[in-house]
Amino acid sequence: MDNLFGKLRNFDAYPKINEDFYSRTLSGGVITLASSIFMLLLFISELRLYLNAVTETKLVVDTSRGETLRINFDVTFPALPCSIVSLDAMDISGEQHLDVRHDIIKKRIDAHGNVIETRQDVIGAPKIEKPLQRHGGRLEHNETYCGSCYGAEASDEDCCNSCEEVREAYRKKGWGLSNPDQIDQCKREGFLQRIKDEDGEGCNIYGFLEVNKVAGNFHFAPGKSFQQSNVHVHDLMAFQKDTFNISHKINRLAFGESFPGVVNPLDRVQWVQTTPTGMYQYFIKVVPTVYTDINGHSIQSNQFSVTEHFRNAEFGRPQSIPGVFFFYDLSPIKVTFTEEHVSFLHFLTNICAIVGGIFTVSGILDSFIYHGQKNFPNIDLFSWLYGGVGWVVLNSPKKQPLGDIPWGYKHELDPALSNQRGSEWEREVQEWERHSYRLILRFRLLRSGLIGPVQYEPLLDLGMLQITSA
């Protein structure tokens, strides 16, 4: 058995040395302290990484088809009344949502931003439930009352018993309602009076849209919209105005659900109009995003980037409708974020790499310094390091006071030479002071043995400078 143990000792890769033969040095102590601190900092960093989840990012091709895109918005128009602003959405597939009313809330606000009224309504008169809207005229007239659509009837049986129904019939025909004060239903409901009452107010609109996941746009604009010869048109004649202030603040705009770390670049963006009227355009690039948390719950959302452009609106041109337009397009690349925990084996491997790497490098550095001092006893390696740092300091543009000479050296004036040479010596002293740091560095290198004394002997022979240890 003893023979077996003896053979095992021969495989010992870590031979032990008697402590009596250890030689401890100052340089070794400094290196050990520095490497221990560095090792501790890296260990703490690795421990934090292990205790917290990390997010892995991947880029994949978006192969989803037939999905919808949810657009959440909250926009404030400080100078555009709720009675005239409408929301439309359309996409390249040809689908249109004109004068969107569902899932949208409007808040009337005054000039100071205070809320006057909150409602879910349409342009002009308040929204009326369909049965009451259909028979509203009959309640005032008689049971057989059927309001005129003023030439916009699709058939003889159609009736328009409210101002909204008349305007909707005109919209379907592609007509504009130029004189609502001549429409009996509009006069009865006070359509123009409501617009006048809200003059000078603002409007906060918030809600969401569900649209096809294809390129398209949605916009906030004054007037009721309709299609005329395949052109999107807004009826502005009913408001009897030729200028509209579309200054706005985007409180929130997001494509999809929120997820940790998402940044919506248009949140809290504000723009103030300085021209009579115009159209402000946002061109948005939407990037599909999937975020999966540590529990495996996935959030289907989107990120986006945006550019902006403003152009003056010209009345009479359908392409120059005053309003705020958001044009969006989708990227074919999907971004996936996945939260993961670092495994304990990975954590242990990193710790071993940190400890072993720092221990090895510090050992090499200590061996280099130790053997350098042993083989070249006339060279003070620490003085050499200090000299290198001092050279950088001396050659920097900022000069230190002459009295703060480093490395424990000072220069003294020989009194005998001073009395003999007088003012000439004073000028030479000033010249020496301008180069004092450089001379001290050179003498420091001379003392350490890194350079020979030949090139500096003429300076020493002058007898004009004495170098003494402080």
Protein backbone atom coordinates (compact mmCIF):
# COMPACT_ATOMS: atom_id res chain seq x y z
CA MET A 1 0.00 0.00 0.00
CA ASP A 2 2.83 2.40 0.85
CA ASN A 3 4.41 1.59 -2.48
CA LEU A 4 1.16 2.51 -4.24
CA PHE A 5 0.93 5.82 -2.41
CA GLY A 6 4.53 6.52 -3.27
CA LYS A 7 3.82 6.06 -6.94
CA LEU A 8 0.81 8.36 -6.68
CA ARG A 9 3.06 11.06 -5.23
CA ASN A 10 5.06 10.99 -8.42
CA PHE A 11 1.95 12.22 -10.29
CA ASP A 12 1.66 15.33 -8.11
CA ALA A 13 1.60 18.31 -10.51
CA TYR A 14 1.75 20.75 -7.59
CA PRO A 15 5.02 20.11 -5.74
CA LYS A 16 5.25 21.83 -2.37
CA ILE A 17 8.12 24.06 -1.25
CA ASN A 18 9.19 24.53 2.31
CA GLU A 19 8.14 27.93 3.63
CA ASP A 20 11.71 28.55 4.72
CA PHE A 21 12.64 28.89 1.06
CA TYR A 22 9.94 31.42 0.22
CA SER A 23 11.18 34.87 -0.79
CA ARG A 24 8.52 37.59 -0.50
CA THR A 25 9.06 40.87 -2.36
CA LEU A 26 7.43 44.27 -2.41
CA SER A 27 6.55 43.93 -6.09
CA GLY A 28 4.89 40.58 -5.41
CA GLY A 29 2.75 42.10 -2.67
CA VAL A 30 1.61 44.96 -4.90
CA ILE A 31 0.75 42.59 -7.76
CA THR A 32 -1.11 40.23 -5.40
CA LEU A 33 -3.19 43.07 -3.95
CA ALA A 34 -4.05 44.52 -7.38
CA SER A 35 -4.94 41.13 -8.87
CA SER A 36 -7.12 40.25 -5.85
CA ILE A 37 -9.11 43.47 -6.20
CA PHE A 38 -9.52 42.94 -9.93
CA MET A 39 -10.56 39.33 -9.35
CA LEU A 40 -13.16 40.41 -6.78
CA LEU A 41 -14.69 42.99 -9.13
CA LEU A 42 -15.00 40.47 -11.93
CA PHE A 43 -16.53 37.93 -9.55
CA ILE A 44 -19.19 40.44 -8.43
CA SER A 45 -19.98 41.30 -12.05
CA GLU A 46 -20.33 37.62 -12.95
CA LEU A 47 -22.51 36.97 -9.89
CA ARG A 48 -24.91 39.79 -10.84
CA LEU A 49 -25.15 38.37 -14.33
CA TYR A 50 -25.96 34.95 -12.89
CA LEU A 51 -28.63 36.21 -10.46
CA ASN A 52 -30.43 38.35 -13.08
CA ALA A 53 -32.02 37.22 -16.31
CA VAL A 54 -30.28 38.12 -19.55
CA THR A 55 -32.07 38.94 -22.80
CA GLU A 56 -31.00 37.19 -25.96
CA THR A 57 -31.77 38.93 -29.27
CA LYS A 58 -32.32 37.21 -32.60
CA LEU A 59 -33.35 38.34 -36.08
CA VAL A 60 -35.62 36.06 -38.10
CA VAL A 61 -37.77 36.39 -41.21
CA ASP A 62 -41.37 37.31 -40.41
CA THR A 63 -43.49 34.52 -41.92
CA SER A 64 -46.78 35.47 -40.23
CA ARG A 65 -49.78 35.88 -42.52
CA GLY A 66 -53.33 37.16 -42.11
CA GLU A 67 -52.67 38.92 -38.82
CA THR A 68 -53.98 42.28 -37.65
CA LEU A 69 -52.07 45.25 -36.32
CA ARG A 70 -53.26 47.12 -33.26
CA ILE A 71 -52.42 50.83 -33.17
CA ASN A 72 -52.74 52.55 -29.78
CA PHE A 73 -52.77 56.34 -29.88
CA ASP A 74 -53.33 59.35 -27.66
CA VAL A 75 -53.09 62.68 -29.51
CA THR A 76 -53.97 66.18 -28.34
CA PHE A 77 -54.93 69.04 -30.69
CA PRO A 78 -54.89 72.26 -28.64
CA ALA A 79 -56.53 74.37 -31.39
CA LEU A 80 -58.76 71.88 -33.25
CA PRO A 81 -62.29 71.34 -31.81
CA CYS A 82 -63.64 67.83 -31.35
CA SER A 83 -66.69 68.73 -33.46
CA ILE A 84 -64.67 68.92 -36.68
CA VAL A 85 -61.80 66.43 -36.31
CA SER A 86 -62.20 62.90 -37.69
CA LEU A 87 -60.05 59.76 -37.91
CA ASP A 88 -59.62 57.69 -41.08
CA ALA A 89 -57.54 54.59 -41.78
CA MET A 90 -56.73 52.82 -45.05
CA ASP A 91 -54.18 50.34 -46.38
CA ILE A 92 -52.70 49.16 -49.67
CA SER A 93 -55.13 46.24 -49.84
CA GLY A 94 -57.92 48.74 -50.49
CA GLU A 95 -59.64 48.45 -47.12
CA GLN A 96 -60.80 51.77 -45.69
CA HIS A 97 -62.17 52.88 -42.34
CA LEU A 98 -63.69 56.33 -42.78
CA ASP A 99 -64.73 58.50 -39.86
CA VAL A 100 -63.81 55.83 -37.33
CA ARG A 101 -66.08 55.98 -34.28
CA HIS A 102 -65.62 52.74 -32.35
CA ASP A 103 -63.00 52.32 -29.59
CA ILE A 104 -62.24 56.05 -29.67
CA ILE A 105 -62.80 58.64 -26.94
CA LYS A 106 -62.75 62.41 -27.45
CA LYS A 107 -62.14 64.96 -24.71
CA ARG A 108 -63.01 68.60 -25.22
CA ILE A 109 -60.33 70.76 -23.65
CA ASP A 110 -60.04 74.50 -23.15
CA ALA A 111 -57.11 76.74 -24.01
CA HIS A 112 -55.39 75.76 -20.74
CA GLY A 113 -55.72 72.02 -21.35
CA ASN A 114 -58.53 71.47 -18.84
CA VAL A 115 -61.13 68.85 -19.76
CA ILE A 116 -64.57 70.27 -20.59
CA GLU A 117 -66.38 67.12 -21.69
CA THR A 118 -65.60 63.49 -22.47
CA ARG A 119 -67.60 61.67 -25.10
CA GLN A 120 -67.55 58.98 -27.74
CA ASP A 121 -69.07 60.71 -30.69
CA VAL A 122 -68.94 61.69 -34.34
CA ILE A 123 -68.39 64.96 -36.12
CA GLY A 124 -70.99 67.61 -35.43
CA ALA A 125 -74.02 66.59 -33.38
CA PRO A 126 -73.79 64.13 -30.50
CA LYS A 127 -74.10 60.49 -31.40
CA ILE A 128 -77.68 59.25 -31.11
CA GLU A 129 -78.66 55.64 -30.73
CA LYS A 130 -79.93 54.22 -34.00
CA PRO A 131 -83.65 53.71 -33.08
CA LEU A 132 -83.92 57.24 -31.74
CA GLN A 133 -81.88 58.58 -34.64
CA ARG A 134 -84.13 56.86 -37.13
CA HIS A 135 -87.33 58.15 -35.54
CA GLY A 136 -86.12 61.43 -34.12
CA GLY A 137 -87.96 63.46 -36.74
CA ARG A 138 -91.14 61.51 -36.15
CA LEU A 139 -91.10 62.35 -32.47
CA GLU A 140 -91.14 66.04 -33.37
CA HIS A 141 -93.48 65.82 -36.35
CA ASN A 142 -95.62 62.69 -36.61
CA GLU A 143 -95.31 58.96 -36.88
CA THR A 144 -95.25 59.03 -40.67
CA TYR A 145 -92.49 61.64 -40.94
CA CYS A 146 -89.64 60.75 -43.34
CA GLY A 147 -86.92 63.37 -43.58
CA SER A 148 -85.53 64.29 -46.96
CA CYS A 149 -82.01 63.31 -47.96
CA TYR A 150 -81.90 66.32 -50.31
CA GLY A 151 -81.25 64.33 -53.46
CA ALA A 152 -78.87 61.79 -51.93
CA GLU A 153 -81.44 59.02 -51.44
CA ALA A 154 -80.39 55.61 -52.74
CA SER A 155 -84.07 54.68 -53.12
CA ASP A 156 -87.49 56.24 -52.61
CA GLU A 157 -87.87 54.51 -49.25
CA ASP A 158 -84.73 56.08 -47.75
CA CYS A 159 -85.25 58.66 -45.05
CA CYS A 160 -82.80 61.07 -43.43
CA ASN A 161 -84.22 62.07 -40.06
CA SER A 162 -81.01 63.56 -38.63
CA CYS A 163 -78.23 65.81 -39.81
CA GLU A 164 -75.79 62.93 -39.48
CA GLU A 165 -77.91 60.76 -41.81
CA VAL A 166 -78.04 63.55 -44.39
CA ARG A 167 -74.26 63.96 -44.25
CA GLU A 168 -73.77 60.19 -44.45
CA ALA A 169 -76.02 60.02 -47.52
CA TYR A 170 -74.02 62.83 -49.13
CA ARG A 171 -70.78 61.02 -48.27
CA LYS A 172 -71.97 57.84 -49.99
CA LYS A 173 -72.79 59.86 -53.08
CA GLY A 174 -69.38 61.54 -52.98
CA TRP A 175 -70.93 64.95 -52.43
CA GLY A 176 -69.93 67.71 -50.07
CA LEU A 177 -72.46 69.37 -47.77
CA SER A 178 -71.76 73.04 -48.44
CA ASN A 179 -74.73 74.66 -46.64
CA PRO A 180 -75.77 72.70 -43.54
CA ASP A 181 -77.76 75.72 -42.35
CA GLN A 182 -80.21 75.04 -45.17
CA ILE A 183 -80.74 71.44 -44.06
CA ASP A 184 -83.76 71.18 -41.78
CA GLN A 185 -82.30 68.33 -39.74
CA CYS A 186 -79.01 70.19 -39.17
CA LYS A 187 -80.80 73.36 -38.10
CA ARG A 188 -82.98 71.40 -35.68
CA GLU A 189 -79.96 69.70 -34.06
CA GLY A 190 -77.88 72.89 -33.96
CA PHE A 191 -75.03 71.53 -36.07
CA LEU A 192 -73.47 74.90 -36.90
CA GLN A 193 -74.19 76.27 -33.45
CA ARG A 194 -72.26 73.42 -31.86
CA ILE A 195 -69.29 74.13 -34.12
CA LYS A 196 -69.42 77.81 -33.18
CA ASP A 197 -69.70 77.00 -29.48
CA GLU A 198 -66.56 74.87 -29.64
CA ASP A 199 -64.54 77.46 -31.54
CA GLY A 200 -61.26 78.10 -29.70
CA GLU A 201 -61.31 74.74 -27.95
CA GLY A 202 -58.99 71.80 -28.37
CA CYS A 203 -59.47 68.07 -28.48
CA ASN A 204 -57.76 65.05 -26.98
CA ILE A 205 -58.40 61.84 -28.92
CA TYR A 206 -57.30 58.44 -27.66
CA GLY A 207 -58.14 54.83 -28.36
CA PHE A 208 -56.95 52.14 -30.74
CA LEU A 209 -57.34 50.86 -34.29
CA GLU A 210 -57.35 47.27 -35.56
CA VAL A 211 -56.03 47.22 -39.14
CA ASN A 212 -54.61 44.66 -41.53
CA LYS A 213 -50.94 43.89 -41.07
CA VAL A 214 -49.96 45.56 -44.34
CA ALA A 215 -48.65 48.99 -45.27
CA GLY A 216 -51.15 51.79 -44.89
CA ASN A 217 -51.88 55.06 -43.12
CA PHE A 218 -54.23 56.67 -40.64
CA HIS A 219 -54.78 60.37 -40.19
CA PHE A 220 -56.55 62.99 -38.13
CA ALA A 221 -58.10 65.69 -40.29
CA PRO A 222 -60.97 68.18 -40.14
CA GLY A 223 -64.16 67.41 -42.03
CA LYS A 224 -66.09 64.33 -43.03
CA SER A 225 -64.26 62.04 -45.45
CA PHE A 226 -65.56 60.24 -48.54
CA GLN A 227 -64.32 58.74 -51.79
CA GLN A 228 -64.74 60.65 -55.03
CA SER A 229 -63.40 59.13 -58.26
CA ASN A 230 -61.12 56.85 -56.19
CA VAL A 231 -59.72 59.89 -54.38
CA HIS A 232 -59.91 60.35 -50.63
CA VAL A 233 -61.64 63.69 -49.95
CA HIS A 234 -62.58 65.58 -46.79
CA ASP A 235 -65.65 67.83 -46.81
CA LEU A 236 -64.49 71.13 -45.29
CA MET A 237 -67.16 73.40 -46.78
CA ALA A 238 -69.58 72.82 -43.92
CA PHE A 239 -67.21 74.47 -41.44
CA GLN A 240 -66.94 77.71 -43.42
CA LYS A 241 -63.20 78.02 -42.65
CA ASP A 242 -60.15 78.04 -44.87
CA THR A 243 -57.45 77.67 -42.20
CA PHE A 244 -56.99 74.95 -39.60
CA ASN A 245 -54.38 74.88 -36.86
CA ILE A 246 -53.09 71.31 -36.68
CA SER A 247 -50.60 71.88 -33.88
CA HIS A 248 -50.51 68.66 -31.91
CA LYS A 249 -48.88 66.66 -29.16
CA ILE A 250 -48.53 62.89 -29.37
CA ASN A 251 -48.90 61.65 -25.82
CA ARG A 252 -48.54 58.03 -26.88
CA LEU A 253 -48.27 56.05 -30.10
CA ALA A 254 -47.56 52.32 -30.04
CA PHE A 255 -48.00 49.46 -32.48
CA GLY A 256 -49.06 46.54 -30.30
CA GLU A 257 -48.65 45.76 -26.63
CA SER A 258 -45.98 47.24 -24.44
CA PHE A 259 -43.09 45.04 -23.31
CA PRO A 260 -40.03 45.59 -21.07
CA GLY A 261 -37.47 47.87 -22.65
CA VAL A 262 -39.64 49.09 -25.52
CA VAL A 263 -39.04 52.68 -26.68
CA ASN A 264 -41.71 54.51 -28.67
CA PRO A 265 -39.91 57.44 -30.35
CA LEU A 266 -43.06 59.54 -30.82
CA ASP A 267 -44.19 59.53 -27.20
CA ARG A 268 -44.51 63.10 -25.86
CA VAL A 269 -43.53 64.61 -29.21
CA GLN A 270 -45.02 68.06 -29.82
CA TRP A 271 -45.25 70.19 -32.95
CA VAL A 272 -46.52 73.78 -33.27
CA GLN A 273 -47.84 75.07 -36.59
CA THR A 274 -46.45 78.42 -37.76
CA THR A 275 -48.15 78.63 -41.18
CA PRO A 276 -51.89 79.17 -41.85
CA THR A 277 -52.53 75.49 -42.59
CA GLY A 278 -50.75 72.38 -43.82
CA MET A 279 -50.32 68.65 -43.48
CA TYR A 280 -47.84 67.07 -41.11
CA GLN A 281 -46.62 63.63 -42.12
CA TYR A 282 -44.94 60.88 -40.12
CA PHE A 283 -43.30 58.06 -42.09
CA ILE A 284 -43.02 55.03 -39.84
CA LYS A 285 -41.11 51.77 -40.29
CA VAL A 286 -42.68 49.07 -38.13
CA VAL A 287 -40.54 46.12 -37.02
CA PRO A 288 -42.45 43.05 -35.73
CA THR A 289 -41.18 42.02 -32.30
CA VAL A 290 -41.75 39.02 -30.03
CA TYR A 291 -40.78 39.26 -26.36
CA THR A 292 -40.66 36.07 -24.29
CA ASP A 293 -40.18 36.44 -20.54
CA ILE A 294 -38.45 34.04 -18.17
CA ASN A 295 -41.73 32.16 -17.58
CA GLY A 296 -42.24 31.49 -21.30
CA HIS A 297 -45.04 34.06 -21.77
CA SER A 298 -44.77 35.67 -25.23
CA ILE A 299 -45.86 39.18 -26.19
CA GLN A 300 -46.52 39.86 -29.86
CA SER A 301 -45.71 43.51 -30.41
CA ASN A 302 -43.82 45.93 -32.65
CA GLN A 303 -41.09 48.53 -32.56
CA PHE A 304 -40.79 51.39 -35.02
CA SER A 305 -38.60 54.18 -36.33
CA VAL A 306 -39.93 57.42 -37.78
CA THR A 307 -39.12 60.42 -39.97
CA GLU A 308 -41.19 63.60 -40.24
CA HIS A 309 -42.17 66.05 -42.94
CA PHE A 310 -44.44 69.10 -43.21
CA ARG A 311 -45.84 70.71 -46.30
CA ASN A 312 -48.27 73.54 -46.84
CA ALA A 313 -51.78 72.50 -47.82
CA GLU A 314 -53.36 73.94 -50.95
CA PHE A 315 -57.13 74.02 -51.00
CA GLY A 316 -58.68 72.43 -54.05
CA ARG A 317 -56.01 69.73 -54.26
CA PRO A 318 -57.04 66.35 -52.80
CA GLN A 319 -53.40 65.53 -52.11
CA SER A 320 -53.13 68.52 -49.75
CA ILE A 321 -55.65 67.80 -47.02
CA PRO A 322 -54.84 69.66 -43.78
CA GLY A 323 -54.23 67.22 -40.96
CA VAL A 324 -51.77 64.89 -39.26
CA PHE A 325 -50.91 61.77 -41.28
CA PHE A 326 -49.15 58.60 -40.14
CA PHE A 327 -47.83 56.45 -43.01
CA TYR A 328 -46.55 53.08 -41.85
CA ASP A 329 -44.78 50.18 -43.54
CA LEU A 330 -43.74 46.82 -42.12
CA SER A 331 -40.29 45.28 -42.09
CA PRO A 332 -39.91 41.67 -43.32
CA ILE A 333 -37.49 40.99 -40.46
CA LYS A 334 -38.80 40.08 -37.01
CA VAL A 335 -36.88 40.72 -33.79
CA THR A 336 -37.18 38.21 -30.95
CA PHE A 337 -36.18 38.93 -27.35
CA THR A 338 -35.91 35.95 -25.01
CA GLU A 339 -35.19 36.20 -21.28
CA GLU A 340 -32.85 33.47 -20.05
CA HIS A 341 -31.02 32.57 -16.86
CA VAL A 342 -27.32 31.73 -17.00
CA SER A 343 -26.84 28.10 -15.98
CA PHE A 344 -24.85 27.30 -12.85
CA LEU A 345 -22.33 25.31 -14.89
CA HIS A 346 -21.76 28.34 -17.13
CA PHE A 347 -21.39 30.56 -14.05
CA LEU A 348 -18.89 28.14 -12.49
CA THR A 349 -16.90 27.96 -15.73
CA ASN A 350 -16.65 31.75 -15.93
CA ILE A 351 -15.53 32.01 -12.30
CA CYS A 352 -12.79 29.43 -12.89
CA ALA A 353 -11.69 31.28 -16.01
CA ILE A 354 -11.52 34.58 -14.10
CA VAL A 355 -9.57 33.17 -11.16
CA GLY A 356 -7.23 31.09 -13.28
CA GLY A 357 -6.60 33.80 -15.86
CA ILE A 358 -5.81 36.54 -13.36
CA PHE A 359 -3.69 34.20 -11.23
CA THR A 360 -1.65 33.13 -14.25
CA VAL A 361 -1.14 36.64 -15.64
CA SER A 362 -0.19 38.07 -12.24
CA GLY A 363 2.27 35.19 -11.74
CA ILE A 364 3.92 35.91 -15.09
CA LEU A 365 4.18 39.61 -14.26
CA ASP A 366 5.62 38.92 -10.81
CA SER A 367 8.15 36.46 -12.27
CA PHE A 368 9.19 39.03 -14.88
CA ILE A 369 9.83 41.70 -12.27
CA TYR A 370 11.54 39.35 -9.83
CA HIS A 371 13.94 37.82 -12.36
CA GLY A 372 14.56 41.23 -13.92
CA GLN A 373 15.70 42.64 -10.60
CA LYS A 374 17.76 39.52 -9.95
CA ASN A 375 19.56 39.49 -13.31
CA PHE A 376 19.97 43.26 -13.57
CA PRO A 377 20.63 44.48 -10.02
CA ASN A 378 21.71 47.93 -11.23
CA ILE A 379 18.30 48.58 -12.80
CA ASP A 380 15.52 49.74 -10.54
CA LEU A 381 12.40 48.57 -12.38
CA PHE A 382 10.09 50.61 -10.20
CA SER A 383 12.19 53.70 -10.91
CA TRP A 384 11.94 52.83 -14.58
CA LEU A 385 8.15 52.70 -14.33
CA TYR A 386 8.03 55.96 -12.39
CA GLY A 387 10.32 57.54 -14.96
CA GLY A 388 7.98 56.52 -17.79
CA VAL A 389 5.01 58.07 -16.01
CA GLY A 390 7.05 61.15 -15.24
CA TRP A 391 8.03 61.56 -18.89
CA VAL A 392 4.34 61.73 -19.81
CA VAL A 393 3.69 64.29 -17.10
CA LEU A 394 6.67 66.42 -18.08
CA ASN A 395 5.68 66.50 -21.72
CA SER A 396 2.07 67.46 -21.00
CA PRO A 397 1.08 71.08 -21.69
CA LYS A 398 0.16 71.69 -18.04
CA LYS A 399 3.27 72.62 -15.99
CA GLN A 400 3.45 71.98 -12.25
CA PRO A 401 5.02 74.43 -9.78
CA LEU A 402 8.78 74.13 -9.57
CA GLY A 403 8.61 73.44 -5.85
CA ASP A 404 6.55 70.25 -6.39
CA ILE A 405 9.42 68.24 -7.89
CA PRO A 406 8.57 64.53 -7.74
CA TRP A 407 10.68 61.52 -6.72
CA GLY A 408 12.26 63.27 -3.72
CA TYR A 409 14.81 65.41 -5.57
CA LYS A 410 15.57 69.11 -5.50
CA HIS A 411 18.13 71.36 -7.12
CA GLU A 412 20.14 73.93 -5.18
CA LEU A 413 22.04 77.01 -6.27
CA ASP A 414 25.79 77.17 -5.52
CA PRO A 415 26.18 80.44 -3.49
CA ALA A 416 29.75 81.01 -4.68
CA LEU A 417 28.82 80.77 -8.32
CA SER A 418 25.78 82.93 -7.70
CA ASN A 419 27.82 85.80 -6.27
CA GLN A 420 30.40 85.49 -9.02
CA ARG A 421 28.11 85.60 -12.02
CA GLY A 422 25.31 87.83 -10.71
CA SER A 423 22.51 88.66 -13.10
CA GLU A 424 23.91 86.40 -15.81
CA TRP A 425 23.53 83.47 -13.47
CA GLU A 426 19.94 84.47 -12.66
CA ARG A 427 19.05 84.32 -16.35
CA GLU A 428 20.63 80.90 -16.60
CA VAL A 429 18.69 79.77 -13.51
CA GLN A 430 15.46 80.80 -15.21
CA GLU A 431 16.50 78.78 -18.24
CA TRP A 432 17.24 75.82 -16.00
CA GLU A 433 13.88 76.15 -14.29
CA ARG A 434 12.06 75.95 -17.61
CA HIS A 435 13.68 72.56 -18.21
CA SER A 436 13.95 71.37 -14.61
CA TYR A 437 11.47 68.52 -14.90
CA ARG A 438 13.14 67.16 -18.02
CA LEU A 439 16.59 67.29 -16.37
CA ILE A 440 15.30 65.56 -13.24
CA LEU A 441 13.83 62.80 -15.37
CA ARG A 442 17.12 62.34 -17.21
CA PHE A 443 19.09 62.12 -13.97
CA ARG A 444 16.51 59.67 -12.66
CA LEU A 445 17.05 57.42 -15.66
CA LEU A 446 20.81 57.86 -15.26
CA ARG A 447 20.58 56.73 -11.63
CA SER A 448 18.48 53.68 -12.52
CA GLY A 449 21.18 52.50 -14.95
CA LEU A 450 18.98 52.53 -18.06
CA ILE A 451 21.23 55.10 -19.79
CA GLY A 452 24.92 55.93 -19.65
CA PRO A 453 26.43 59.10 -18.22
CA VAL A 454 28.33 60.09 -21.37
CA GLN A 455 25.78 62.36 -22.94
CA TYR A 456 25.09 64.19 -19.66
CA GLU A 457 28.68 64.63 -18.43
CA PRO A 458 28.99 68.11 -19.98
CA LEU A 459 26.04 69.22 -17.88
CA LEU A 460 27.59 67.81 -14.72
CA ASP A 461 30.96 69.42 -15.48
CA LEU A 462 29.41 72.88 -15.58
CA GLY A 463 29.09 72.80 -11.80
CA MET A 464 25.98 74.91 -12.12
CA LEU A 465 23.49 72.33 -10.76
CA GLN A 466 23.69 70.08 -7.75
CA ILE A 467 21.37 67.06 -7.45
CA THR A 468 20.85 66.01 -3.86
CA SER A 469 18.49 63.51 -2.30
CA ALA A 470 15.65 65.16 -0.40
